PDB file of N, CA and C in Angstrom:
ATOM      1  N   UNK A   1     -19.769   2.345   7.210  1.00  0.00           N
ATOM      2  CA  UNK A   1     -20.767   1.353   6.764  1.00  0.00           C
ATOM      3  C   UNK A   1     -21.813   2.068   5.975  1.00  0.00           C
ATOM      4  N   UNK A   2     -22.092   1.376   4.635  1.00  0.00           N
ATOM      5  CA  UNK A   2     -23.199   2.097   3.914  1.00  0.00           C
ATOM      6  C   UNK A   2     -24.475   1.328   4.203  1.00  0.00           C
ATOM      7  N   UNK A   3     -25.532   1.954   3.744  1.00  0.00           N
ATOM      8  CA  UNK A   3     -26.875   1.397   3.864  1.00  0.00           C
ATOM      9  C   UNK A   3     -26.970  -0.028   3.248  1.00  0.00           C
ATOM     10  N   UNK A   4     -26.325  -0.194   2.161  1.00  0.00           N
ATOM     11  CA  UNK A   4     -26.326  -1.466   1.418  1.00  0.00           C
ATOM     12  C   UNK A   4     -25.627  -2.546   2.345  1.00  0.00           C
ATOM     13  N   UNK A   5     -24.666  -2.148   3.016  1.00  0.00           N
ATOM     14  CA  UNK A   5     -23.983  -3.171   3.870  1.00  0.00           C
ATOM     15  C   UNK A   5     -24.910  -3.708   4.954  1.00  0.00           C
ATOM     16  N   UNK A   6     -25.972  -2.857   5.274  1.00  0.00           N
ATOM     17  CA  UNK A   6     -26.855  -3.482   6.405  1.00  0.00           C
ATOM     18  C   UNK A   6     -27.779  -4.595   5.897  1.00  0.00           C
ATOM     19  N   UNK A   7     -27.859  -4.751   4.560  1.00  0.00           N
ATOM     20  CA  UNK A   7     -28.671  -5.776   3.954  1.00  0.00           C
ATOM     21  C   UNK A   7     -27.890  -7.035   3.709  1.00  0.00           C
ATOM     22  N   UNK A   8     -27.447  -7.552   4.882  1.00  0.00           N
ATOM     23  CA  UNK A   8     -26.527  -8.796   4.759  1.00  0.00           C
ATOM     24  C   UNK A   8     -27.186 -10.014   4.057  1.00  0.00           C
ATOM     25  N   UNK A   9     -28.511 -10.137   4.095  1.00  0.00           N
ATOM     26  CA  UNK A   9     -29.171 -11.293   3.548  1.00  0.00           C
ATOM     27  C   UNK A   9     -29.724 -10.989   2.226  1.00  0.00           C
ATOM     28  N   UNK A  10     -29.591  -9.903   1.613  1.00  0.00           N
ATOM     29  CA  UNK A  10     -30.103  -9.526   0.338  1.00  0.00           C
ATOM     30  C   UNK A  10     -29.061  -8.962  -0.587  1.00  0.00           C
ATOM     31  N   UNK A  11     -28.914  -9.536  -1.832  1.00  0.00           N
ATOM     32  CA  UNK A  11     -28.093  -8.949  -2.778  1.00  0.00           C
ATOM     33  C   UNK A  11     -28.682  -7.699  -3.238  1.00  0.00           C
ATOM     34  N   UNK A  12     -27.804  -6.571  -3.190  1.00  0.00           N
ATOM     35  CA  UNK A  12     -28.264  -5.235  -3.519  1.00  0.00           C
ATOM     36  C   UNK A  12     -27.314  -4.602  -4.513  1.00  0.00           C
ATOM     37  N   UNK A  13     -27.826  -4.078  -5.526  1.00  0.00           N
ATOM     38  CA  UNK A  13     -27.017  -3.337  -6.555  1.00  0.00           C
ATOM     39  C   UNK A  13     -27.778  -2.046  -6.869  1.00  0.00           C
ATOM     40  N   UNK A  14     -27.019  -0.967  -6.942  1.00  0.00           N
ATOM     41  CA  UNK A  14     -27.586   0.371  -7.316  1.00  0.00           C
ATOM     42  C   UNK A  14     -27.116   0.800  -8.642  1.00  0.00           C
ATOM     43  N   UNK A  15     -28.038   1.008  -9.544  1.00  0.00           N
ATOM     44  CA  UNK A  15     -27.655   1.418 -10.886  1.00  0.00           C
ATOM     45  C   UNK A  15     -28.005   2.812 -11.114  1.00  0.00           C
ATOM     46  N   UNK A  16     -27.211   3.596 -11.942  1.00  0.00           N
ATOM     47  CA  UNK A  16     -27.611   4.935 -12.278  1.00  0.00           C
ATOM     48  C   UNK A  16     -28.524   4.990 -13.425  1.00  0.00           C
ATOM     49  N   UNK A  17     -28.785   6.137 -13.919  1.00  0.00           N
ATOM     50  CA  UNK A  17     -29.756   6.424 -14.935  1.00  0.00           C
ATOM     51  C   UNK A  17     -29.344   5.654 -16.300  1.00  0.00           C
ATOM     52  N   UNK A  18     -28.160   5.485 -16.632  1.00  0.00           N
ATOM     53  CA  UNK A  18     -27.679   4.803 -17.810  1.00  0.00           C
ATOM     54  C   UNK A  18     -27.282   3.327 -17.516  1.00  0.00           C
ATOM     55  N   UNK A  19     -27.774   2.749 -16.369  1.00  0.00           N
ATOM     56  CA  UNK A  19     -27.424   1.407 -15.956  1.00  0.00           C
ATOM     57  C   UNK A  19     -25.982   1.090 -15.706  1.00  0.00           C
ATOM     58  N   UNK A  20     -25.286   2.170 -15.131  1.00  0.00           N
ATOM     59  CA  UNK A  20     -23.868   2.065 -14.647  1.00  0.00           C
ATOM     60  C   UNK A  20     -23.937   1.643 -13.168  1.00  0.00           C
ATOM     61  N   UNK A  21     -23.270   0.728 -12.793  1.00  0.00           N
ATOM     62  CA  UNK A  21     -23.244   0.179 -11.439  1.00  0.00           C
ATOM     63  C   UNK A  21     -22.648   1.375 -10.536  1.00  0.00           C
ATOM     64  N   UNK A  22     -23.373   1.789  -9.501  1.00  0.00           N
ATOM     65  CA  UNK A  22     -22.903   2.752  -8.568  1.00  0.00           C
ATOM     66  C   UNK A  22     -22.539   2.264  -7.147  1.00  0.00           C
ATOM     67  N   UNK A  23     -23.163   1.260  -6.745  1.00  0.00           N
ATOM     68  CA  UNK A  23     -22.872   0.682  -5.516  1.00  0.00           C
ATOM     69  C   UNK A  23     -23.324  -0.762  -5.478  1.00  0.00           C
ATOM     70  N   UNK A  24     -22.779  -1.594  -4.560  1.00  0.00           N
ATOM     71  CA  UNK A  24     -23.063  -3.057  -4.496  1.00  0.00           C
ATOM     72  C   UNK A  24     -22.690  -3.430  -3.103  1.00  0.00           C
ATOM     73  N   UNK A  25     -23.486  -4.330  -2.522  1.00  0.00           N
ATOM     74  CA  UNK A  25     -23.121  -4.847  -1.246  1.00  0.00           C
ATOM     75  C   UNK A  25     -22.311  -6.245  -1.460  1.00  0.00           C
ATOM     76  N   UNK A  26     -21.881  -6.833  -0.359  1.00  0.00           N
ATOM     77  CA  UNK A  26     -21.033  -8.143  -0.590  1.00  0.00           C
ATOM     78  C   UNK A  26     -21.816  -9.262  -1.125  1.00  0.00           C
ATOM     79  N   UNK A  27     -23.097  -9.460  -0.815  1.00  0.00           N
ATOM     80  CA  UNK A  27     -23.851 -10.444  -1.378  1.00  0.00           C
ATOM     81  C   UNK A  27     -24.140 -10.210  -2.904  1.00  0.00           C
ATOM     82  N   UNK A  28     -24.293  -8.932  -3.232  1.00  0.00           N
ATOM     83  CA  UNK A  28     -24.499  -8.527  -4.658  1.00  0.00           C
ATOM     84  C   UNK A  28     -23.247  -8.807  -5.489  1.00  0.00           C
ATOM     85  N   UNK A  29     -22.095  -8.606  -4.855  1.00  0.00           N
ATOM     86  CA  UNK A  29     -20.776  -8.834  -5.551  1.00  0.00           C
ATOM     87  C   UNK A  29     -20.704 -10.342  -5.736  1.00  0.00           C
ATOM     88  N   UNK A  30     -21.037 -11.149  -4.836  1.00  0.00           N
ATOM     89  CA  UNK A  30     -20.953 -12.528  -4.979  1.00  0.00           C
ATOM     90  C   UNK A  30     -21.893 -13.141  -6.026  1.00  0.00           C
ATOM     91  N   UNK A  31     -23.108 -12.656  -6.001  1.00  0.00           N
ATOM     92  CA  UNK A  31     -24.108 -13.145  -7.028  1.00  0.00           C
ATOM     93  C   UNK A  31     -23.763 -12.643  -8.366  1.00  0.00           C
ATOM     94  N   UNK A  32     -23.317 -11.393  -8.578  1.00  0.00           N
ATOM     95  CA  UNK A  32     -23.009 -10.890  -9.804  1.00  0.00           C
ATOM     96  C   UNK A  32     -21.494 -10.831 -10.176  1.00  0.00           C
ATOM     97  N   UNK A  33     -20.772 -11.858  -9.617  1.00  0.00           N
ATOM     98  CA  UNK A  33     -19.264 -11.895  -9.810  1.00  0.00           C
ATOM     99  C   UNK A  33     -18.941 -12.079 -11.287  1.00  0.00           C
ATOM    100  N   UNK A  34     -19.958 -12.586 -12.095  1.00  0.00           N
ATOM    101  CA  UNK A  34     -19.651 -12.670 -13.495  1.00  0.00           C
ATOM    102  C   UNK A  34     -19.355 -11.319 -14.153  1.00  0.00           C
ATOM    103  N   UNK A  35     -19.810 -10.245 -13.546  1.00  0.00           N
ATOM    104  CA  UNK A  35     -19.604  -8.948 -14.143  1.00  0.00           C
ATOM    105  C   UNK A  35     -18.128  -8.512 -14.143  1.00  0.00           C
ATOM    106  N   UNK A  36     -17.382  -9.163 -13.165  1.00  0.00           N
ATOM    107  CA  UNK A  36     -15.959  -8.800 -13.049  1.00  0.00           C
ATOM    108  C   UNK A  36     -15.801  -7.332 -12.663  1.00  0.00           C
ATOM    109  N   UNK A  37     -14.951  -6.630 -13.419  1.00  0.00           N
ATOM    110  CA  UNK A  37     -14.674  -5.245 -13.172  1.00  0.00           C
ATOM    111  C   UNK A  37     -15.645  -4.292 -13.920  1.00  0.00           C
ATOM    112  N   UNK A  38     -16.535  -4.917 -14.851  1.00  0.00           N
ATOM    113  CA  UNK A  38     -17.437  -4.138 -15.656  1.00  0.00           C
ATOM    114  C   UNK A  38     -18.450  -3.374 -14.802  1.00  0.00           C
ATOM    115  N   UNK A  39     -18.672  -2.220 -15.038  1.00  0.00           N
ATOM    116  CA  UNK A  39     -19.599  -1.390 -14.196  1.00  0.00           C
ATOM    117  C   UNK A  39     -20.836  -0.997 -15.169  1.00  0.00           C
ATOM    118  N   UNK A  40     -20.887  -1.345 -16.385  1.00  0.00           N
ATOM    119  CA  UNK A  40     -22.059  -0.959 -17.204  1.00  0.00           C
ATOM    120  C   UNK A  40     -22.780  -2.286 -17.458  1.00  0.00           C
ATOM    121  N   UNK A  41     -24.110  -2.245 -16.972  1.00  0.00           N
ATOM    122  CA  UNK A  41     -24.876  -3.328 -17.233  1.00  0.00           C
ATOM    123  C   UNK A  41     -25.203  -3.579 -18.714  1.00  0.00           C
ATOM    124  N   UNK A  42     -25.311  -2.470 -19.459  1.00  0.00           N
ATOM    125  CA  UNK A  42     -25.552  -2.490 -20.928  1.00  0.00           C
ATOM    126  C   UNK A  42     -24.358  -3.306 -21.569  1.00  0.00           C
ATOM    127  N   UNK A  43     -23.175  -2.912 -21.253  1.00  0.00           N
ATOM    128  CA  UNK A  43     -22.008  -3.560 -21.875  1.00  0.00           C
ATOM    129  C   UNK A  43     -21.993  -4.981 -21.570  1.00  0.00           C
ATOM    130  N   UNK A  44     -22.204  -5.246 -20.311  1.00  0.00           N
ATOM    131  CA  UNK A  44     -22.159  -6.689 -19.797  1.00  0.00           C
ATOM    132  C   UNK A  44     -23.228  -7.577 -20.493  1.00  0.00           C
ATOM    133  N   UNK A  45     -24.450  -7.043 -20.647  1.00  0.00           N
ATOM    134  CA  UNK A  45     -25.638  -7.654 -21.225  1.00  0.00           C
ATOM    135  C   UNK A  45     -25.306  -8.139 -22.683  1.00  0.00           C
ATOM    136  N   UNK A  46     -24.681  -7.264 -23.419  1.00  0.00           N
ATOM    137  CA  UNK A  46     -24.517  -7.447 -24.883  1.00  0.00           C
ATOM    138  C   UNK A  46     -23.107  -8.008 -25.286  1.00  0.00           C
ATOM    139  N   UNK A  47     -22.084  -7.754 -24.383  1.00  0.00           N
ATOM    140  CA  UNK A  47     -20.817  -8.247 -24.845  1.00  0.00           C
ATOM    141  C   UNK A  47     -20.253  -9.323 -23.987  1.00  0.00           C
ATOM    142  N   UNK A  48     -20.773  -9.560 -22.882  1.00  0.00           N
ATOM    143  CA  UNK A  48     -20.337 -10.694 -21.955  1.00  0.00           C
ATOM    144  C   UNK A  48     -21.294 -11.936 -22.115  1.00  0.00           C
ATOM    145  N   UNK A  49     -20.707 -12.953 -22.867  1.00  0.00           N
ATOM    146  CA  UNK A  49     -21.546 -14.176 -23.069  1.00  0.00           C
ATOM    147  C   UNK A  49     -22.125 -14.820 -21.835  1.00  0.00           C
ATOM    148  N   UNK A  50     -21.472 -14.570 -20.708  1.00  0.00           N
ATOM    149  CA  UNK A  50     -22.061 -15.156 -19.398  1.00  0.00           C
ATOM    150  C   UNK A  50     -23.373 -14.708 -19.114  1.00  0.00           C
ATOM    151  N   UNK A  51     -23.682 -13.346 -19.628  1.00  0.00           N
ATOM    152  CA  UNK A  51     -25.006 -12.850 -19.255  1.00  0.00           C
ATOM    153  C   UNK A  51     -26.180 -13.708 -19.747  1.00  0.00           C
ATOM    154  N   UNK A  52     -25.960 -14.267 -20.918  1.00  0.00           N
ATOM    155  CA  UNK A  52     -27.090 -15.250 -21.479  1.00  0.00           C
ATOM    156  C   UNK A  52     -27.251 -16.502 -20.640  1.00  0.00           C
ATOM    157  N   UNK A  53     -26.202 -16.854 -19.897  1.00  0.00           N
ATOM    158  CA  UNK A  53     -26.335 -17.995 -18.970  1.00  0.00           C
ATOM    159  C   UNK A  53     -26.948 -17.607 -17.695  1.00  0.00           C
ATOM    160  N   UNK A  54     -26.582 -16.365 -17.183  1.00  0.00           N
ATOM    161  CA  UNK A  54     -26.919 -15.941 -15.921  1.00  0.00           C
ATOM    162  C   UNK A  54     -28.439 -15.545 -15.853  1.00  0.00           C
ATOM    163  N   UNK A  55     -28.896 -14.945 -16.887  1.00  0.00           N
ATOM    164  CA  UNK A  55     -30.339 -14.593 -17.046  1.00  0.00           C
ATOM    165  C   UNK A  55     -31.140 -15.668 -17.820  1.00  0.00           C
ATOM    166  N   UNK A  56     -32.008 -16.346 -17.113  1.00  0.00           N
ATOM    167  CA  UNK A  56     -32.754 -17.323 -17.774  1.00  0.00           C
ATOM    168  C   UNK A  56     -33.523 -16.827 -18.974  1.00  0.00           C
ATOM    169  N   UNK A  57     -34.119 -15.691 -18.798  1.00  0.00           N
ATOM    170  CA  UNK A  57     -34.917 -15.047 -19.894  1.00  0.00           C
ATOM    171  C   UNK A  57     -34.080 -13.847 -20.365  1.00  0.00           C
ATOM    172  N   UNK A  58     -32.925 -14.106 -20.853  1.00  0.00           N
ATOM    173  CA  UNK A  58     -31.982 -13.027 -21.298  1.00  0.00           C
ATOM    174  C   UNK A  58     -32.639 -12.047 -22.326  1.00  0.00           C
ATOM    175  N   UNK A  59     -33.329 -12.523 -23.301  1.00  0.00           N
ATOM    176  CA  UNK A  59     -33.983 -11.671 -24.235  1.00  0.00           C
ATOM    177  C   UNK A  59     -34.920 -10.618 -23.604  1.00  0.00           C
ATOM    178  N   UNK A  60     -35.659 -11.086 -22.752  1.00  0.00           N
ATOM    179  CA  UNK A  60     -36.516 -10.190 -21.946  1.00  0.00           C
ATOM    180  C   UNK A  60     -35.832  -9.157 -21.128  1.00  0.00           C
ATOM    181  N   UNK A  61     -34.778  -9.551 -20.439  1.00  0.00           N
ATOM    182  CA  UNK A  61     -33.929  -8.607 -19.691  1.00  0.00           C
ATOM    183  C   UNK A  61     -33.256  -7.628 -20.574  1.00  0.00           C
ATOM    184  N   UNK A  62     -32.752  -8.066 -21.813  1.00  0.00           N
ATOM    185  CA  UNK A  62     -32.073  -7.238 -22.717  1.00  0.00           C
ATOM    186  C   UNK A  62     -33.034  -6.268 -23.189  1.00  0.00           C
ATOM    187  N   UNK A  63     -34.240  -6.633 -23.539  1.00  0.00           N
ATOM    188  CA  UNK A  63     -35.271  -5.683 -23.912  1.00  0.00           C
ATOM    189  C   UNK A  63     -35.516  -4.629 -22.889  1.00  0.00           C
ATOM    190  N   UNK A  64     -35.556  -5.033 -21.627  1.00  0.00           N
ATOM    191  CA  UNK A  64     -35.821  -4.072 -20.539  1.00  0.00           C
ATOM    192  C   UNK A  64     -34.613  -3.133 -20.420  1.00  0.00           C
ATOM    193  N   UNK A  65     -33.408  -3.602 -20.574  1.00  0.00           N
ATOM    194  CA  UNK A  65     -32.298  -2.726 -20.624  1.00  0.00           C
ATOM    195  C   UNK A  65     -32.338  -1.631 -21.653  1.00  0.00           C
ATOM    196  N   UNK A  66     -32.630  -1.989 -22.797  1.00  0.00           N
ATOM    197  CA  UNK A  66     -32.806  -1.084 -23.956  1.00  0.00           C
ATOM    198  C   UNK A  66     -33.960  -0.133 -23.681  1.00  0.00           C
ATOM    199  N   UNK A  67     -35.107  -0.598 -23.147  1.00  0.00           N
ATOM    200  CA  UNK A  67     -36.161   0.315 -22.853  1.00  0.00           C
ATOM    201  C   UNK A  67     -35.796   1.269 -21.817  1.00  0.00           C
ATOM    202  N   UNK A  68     -34.934   0.886 -20.857  1.00  0.00           N
ATOM    203  CA  UNK A  68     -34.514   1.772 -19.716  1.00  0.00           C
ATOM    204  C   UNK A  68     -33.709   2.849 -20.226  1.00  0.00           C
ATOM    205  N   UNK A  69     -32.742   2.471 -21.186  1.00  0.00           N
ATOM    206  CA  UNK A  69     -31.932   3.479 -21.871  1.00  0.00           C
ATOM    207  C   UNK A  69     -32.672   4.487 -22.675  1.00  0.00           C
ATOM    208  N   UNK A  70     -33.701   4.001 -23.367  1.00  0.00           N
ATOM    209  CA  UNK A  70     -34.605   4.930 -24.203  1.00  0.00           C
ATOM    210  C   UNK A  70     -35.421   5.835 -23.234  1.00  0.00           C
ATOM    211  N   UNK A  71     -35.803   5.392 -22.114  1.00  0.00           N
ATOM    212  CA  UNK A  71     -36.611   6.144 -21.227  1.00  0.00           C
ATOM    213  C   UNK A  71     -35.733   7.207 -20.498  1.00  0.00           C
ATOM    214  N   UNK A  72     -34.377   6.878 -20.393  1.00  0.00           N
ATOM    215  CA  UNK A  72     -33.551   7.882 -19.703  1.00  0.00           C
ATOM    216  C   UNK A  72     -33.156   9.060 -20.593  1.00  0.00           C
ATOM    217  N   UNK A  73     -33.393   8.990 -21.804  1.00  0.00           N
ATOM    218  CA  UNK A  73     -33.139  10.028 -22.819  1.00  0.00           C
ATOM    219  C   UNK A  73     -34.345  10.922 -23.119  1.00  0.00           C
TER     220      UNK A  73
END
């Protein structure tokens, strides 16, 4: 059992430096099921049209993703 699995009431996702999904708990999988097998949040944000429906303020979230990538380099 991982630490994430102990958070049964909280969706938890762990992303790496370049916003690649590293780990997720069961509730996180359920909430972010729209990601499918995609493990890159950047790819999902800009190529998966469902992202714009999932995130109410998609433009703000997208800007944050780009800023995180810039900060990682």
